[in-house]
Amino acid sequence: MGTEPAPQHQIDGSGLRVAILRSEFNGEITAGLLDGAREVCRRAGVTVCDEFDAPGAFELPLFAQRLAAAGYDAVIALGAVIEGETDHYEHVAHTASEGLMRVMLDTGVPVAFGLLTVRDPAHARARSAPGPGNKGAEAAAAALISARALKVIGPR
């Protein structure tokens, strides 16, 4: 089993109601992640794809929890935490990561992890650029594949 996401043409998003949740902080980076996620949802034929903005990565878990409770089949959480001069980076990255996982486990709704946690801004730009390797696209693919599989498995 490889680490590459499934080819986009094999993902079936029909009948799915998906929320894309984007952190506004580091907006240049998260805009690229959003573009990648949108494209995957479009190609997969997602029936409903709504977009929401959170102020920053720290707020993503709360927004994801509300979106899961609102009946979305999947939430694609996008953000970028880039190391600065203080240890704030480590706290936000860890807390947001744990929070998103908790939402997924508590609600049974896939919450795709499109949160970049990098030390070098160049790495964030590379991972949010159009084309292969866009982590927003990879997160969207994971969300759609998970949502489809969970529908086959059955009710929560």
Protein backbone atom coordinates (compact mmCIF):
# COMPACT_ATOMS: atom_id res chain seq x y z
CA MET A 1 0.00 0.00 0.00
CA GLY A 2 1.58 3.30 -1.15
CA THR A 3 1.38 6.79 0.23
CA GLU A 4 -0.05 8.36 -2.92
CA PRO A 5 -3.74 9.32 -2.84
CA ALA A 6 -6.15 7.42 -5.07
CA PRO A 7 -6.43 8.83 -8.59
CA GLN A 8 -9.07 11.54 -8.57
CA HIS A 9 -11.08 10.00 -11.40
CA GLN A 10 -11.75 6.95 -9.22
CA ILE A 11 -13.30 8.94 -6.38
CA ASP A 12 -17.10 9.09 -6.36
CA GLY A 13 -18.43 12.11 -4.50
CA SER A 14 -21.98 11.86 -5.80
CA GLY A 15 -24.55 12.04 -3.04
CA LEU A 16 -22.02 13.37 -0.55
CA ARG A 17 -22.44 16.56 1.46
CA VAL A 18 -18.97 17.90 2.19
CA ALA A 19 -17.70 20.92 4.12
CA ILE A 20 -14.35 22.50 3.33
CA LEU A 21 -13.09 24.34 6.40
CA ARG A 22 -10.19 26.75 5.88
CA SER A 23 -8.11 28.65 8.39
CA GLU A 24 -7.74 32.30 7.35
CA PHE A 25 -4.37 32.61 9.10
CA ASN A 26 -1.51 32.20 6.60
CA GLY A 27 -4.10 32.99 3.94
CA GLU A 28 -1.74 32.80 0.96
CA ILE A 29 -0.96 29.20 1.86
CA THR A 30 -4.49 28.16 2.80
CA ALA A 31 -5.87 29.65 -0.44
CA GLY A 32 -3.74 27.17 -2.38
CA LEU A 33 -4.92 24.30 -0.19
CA LEU A 34 -8.51 25.40 -0.75
CA ASP A 35 -8.03 25.45 -4.52
CA GLY A 36 -6.69 21.88 -4.42
CA ALA A 37 -9.59 20.65 -2.27
CA ARG A 38 -12.17 22.37 -4.48
CA GLU A 39 -10.75 20.75 -7.59
CA VAL A 40 -10.89 17.25 -6.11
CA CYS A 41 -14.50 17.78 -4.99
CA ARG A 42 -15.43 19.12 -8.42
CA ARG A 43 -13.82 16.21 -10.27
CA ALA A 44 -15.42 13.69 -7.92
CA GLY A 45 -18.89 15.15 -8.50
CA VAL A 46 -19.58 16.04 -4.88
CA THR A 47 -23.28 16.89 -4.59
CA VAL A 48 -22.93 19.61 -1.93
CA CYS A 49 -19.60 21.28 -1.21
CA ASP A 50 -19.92 24.18 1.22
CA GLU A 51 -16.99 26.34 2.32
CA PHE A 52 -16.37 27.86 5.74
CA ASP A 53 -13.57 29.98 7.19
CA ALA A 54 -12.15 29.80 10.71
CA PRO A 55 -9.85 32.51 12.07
CA GLY A 56 -6.91 30.16 12.64
CA ALA A 57 -5.79 26.56 13.07
CA PHE A 58 -6.61 26.59 16.78
CA GLU A 59 -10.30 27.13 15.96
CA LEU A 60 -10.53 24.38 13.33
CA PRO A 61 -11.63 21.62 15.75
CA LEU A 62 -14.60 23.62 17.08
CA PHE A 63 -15.78 24.50 13.58
CA ALA A 64 -15.26 20.89 12.43
CA GLN A 65 -17.31 19.64 15.39
CA ARG A 66 -20.23 21.92 14.49
CA LEU A 67 -20.04 20.96 10.80
CA ALA A 68 -20.05 17.26 11.67
CA ALA A 69 -23.08 17.81 13.93
CA ALA A 70 -24.79 19.70 11.09
CA GLY A 71 -24.91 16.52 9.03
CA TYR A 72 -21.99 16.77 6.64
CA ASP A 73 -20.66 13.44 5.41
CA ALA A 74 -17.08 14.73 5.64
CA VAL A 75 -15.14 17.79 6.72
CA ILE A 76 -11.93 18.81 4.98
CA ALA A 77 -9.90 20.87 7.47
CA LEU A 78 -7.25 23.09 5.88
CA GLY A 79 -4.70 25.29 7.60
CA ALA A 80 -1.04 26.15 7.98
CA VAL A 81 0.98 26.42 11.16
CA ILE A 82 4.48 27.70 10.44
CA GLU A 83 7.22 27.81 13.07
CA GLY A 84 8.17 31.25 14.32
CA GLU A 85 10.42 32.56 17.06
CA THR A 86 8.46 31.08 19.98
CA ASP A 87 7.13 27.64 20.86
CA HIS A 88 3.60 28.83 20.00
CA TYR A 89 3.93 26.79 16.78
CA GLU A 90 4.25 23.50 18.64
CA HIS A 91 1.29 24.17 20.91
CA VAL A 92 -1.07 25.19 18.10
CA ALA A 93 0.02 22.37 15.78
CA HIS A 94 -0.39 19.71 18.47
CA THR A 95 -3.65 21.04 19.89
CA ALA A 96 -5.30 21.50 16.49
CA SER A 97 -4.16 18.05 15.35
CA GLU A 98 -5.47 16.33 18.47
CA GLY A 99 -8.70 18.31 18.33
CA LEU A 100 -9.42 17.35 14.73
CA MET A 101 -8.80 13.69 15.48
CA ARG A 102 -11.07 13.90 18.53
CA VAL A 103 -13.88 15.40 16.45
CA MET A 104 -13.58 12.57 13.96
CA LEU A 105 -13.61 9.86 16.62
CA ASP A 106 -16.37 11.47 18.69
CA THR A 107 -18.71 12.10 15.75
CA GLY A 108 -17.92 9.28 13.33
CA VAL A 109 -17.58 11.86 10.54
CA PRO A 110 -14.31 11.86 8.58
CA VAL A 111 -12.29 15.00 9.24
CA ALA A 112 -9.48 15.14 6.72
CA PHE A 113 -6.20 16.51 7.98
CA GLY A 114 -5.10 19.24 5.59
CA LEU A 115 -3.23 21.17 8.27
CA LEU A 116 0.33 21.90 7.26
CA THR A 117 2.76 21.98 10.18
CA VAL A 118 6.09 23.16 8.81
CA ARG A 119 9.23 24.86 10.01
CA ASP A 120 10.06 26.56 6.71
CA PRO A 121 7.56 28.81 4.87
CA ALA A 122 8.96 27.53 1.56
CA HIS A 123 7.76 24.04 2.49
CA ALA A 124 4.25 25.38 3.09
CA ARG A 125 4.26 27.15 -0.28
CA ALA A 126 5.41 23.96 -2.04
CA ARG A 127 2.70 21.86 -0.37
CA SER A 128 -0.04 24.35 -1.28
CA ALA A 129 1.03 24.94 -4.89
CA PRO A 130 -1.15 23.69 -7.76
CA GLY A 131 -0.46 20.19 -9.06
CA PRO A 132 0.74 16.92 -7.57
CA GLY A 133 1.64 17.20 -3.93
CA ASN A 134 -1.02 19.77 -3.06
CA LYS A 135 -1.99 18.72 0.46
CA GLY A 136 -5.46 20.29 0.18
CA ALA A 137 -6.17 17.98 -2.73
CA GLU A 138 -4.80 15.00 -0.81
CA ALA A 139 -6.95 15.84 2.22
CA ALA A 140 -10.04 16.14 0.03
CA ALA A 141 -9.35 12.77 -1.58
CA ALA A 142 -8.95 11.16 1.84
CA ALA A 143 -12.20 12.73 3.07
CA LEU A 144 -14.22 11.57 0.07
CA ILE A 145 -12.79 8.06 0.08
CA SER A 146 -13.47 7.77 3.82
CA ALA A 147 -17.00 9.15 3.58
CA ARG A 148 -17.86 6.75 0.75
CA ALA A 149 -16.41 3.76 2.63
CA LEU A 150 -18.27 4.65 5.83
CA LYS A 151 -21.55 4.87 3.90
CA VAL A 152 -20.93 1.30 2.72
CA ILE A 153 -20.11 0.14 6.25
CA GLY A 154 -23.36 1.54 7.57
CA PRO A 155 -24.84 3.94 10.11
CA ARG A 156 -22.89 5.54 12.92
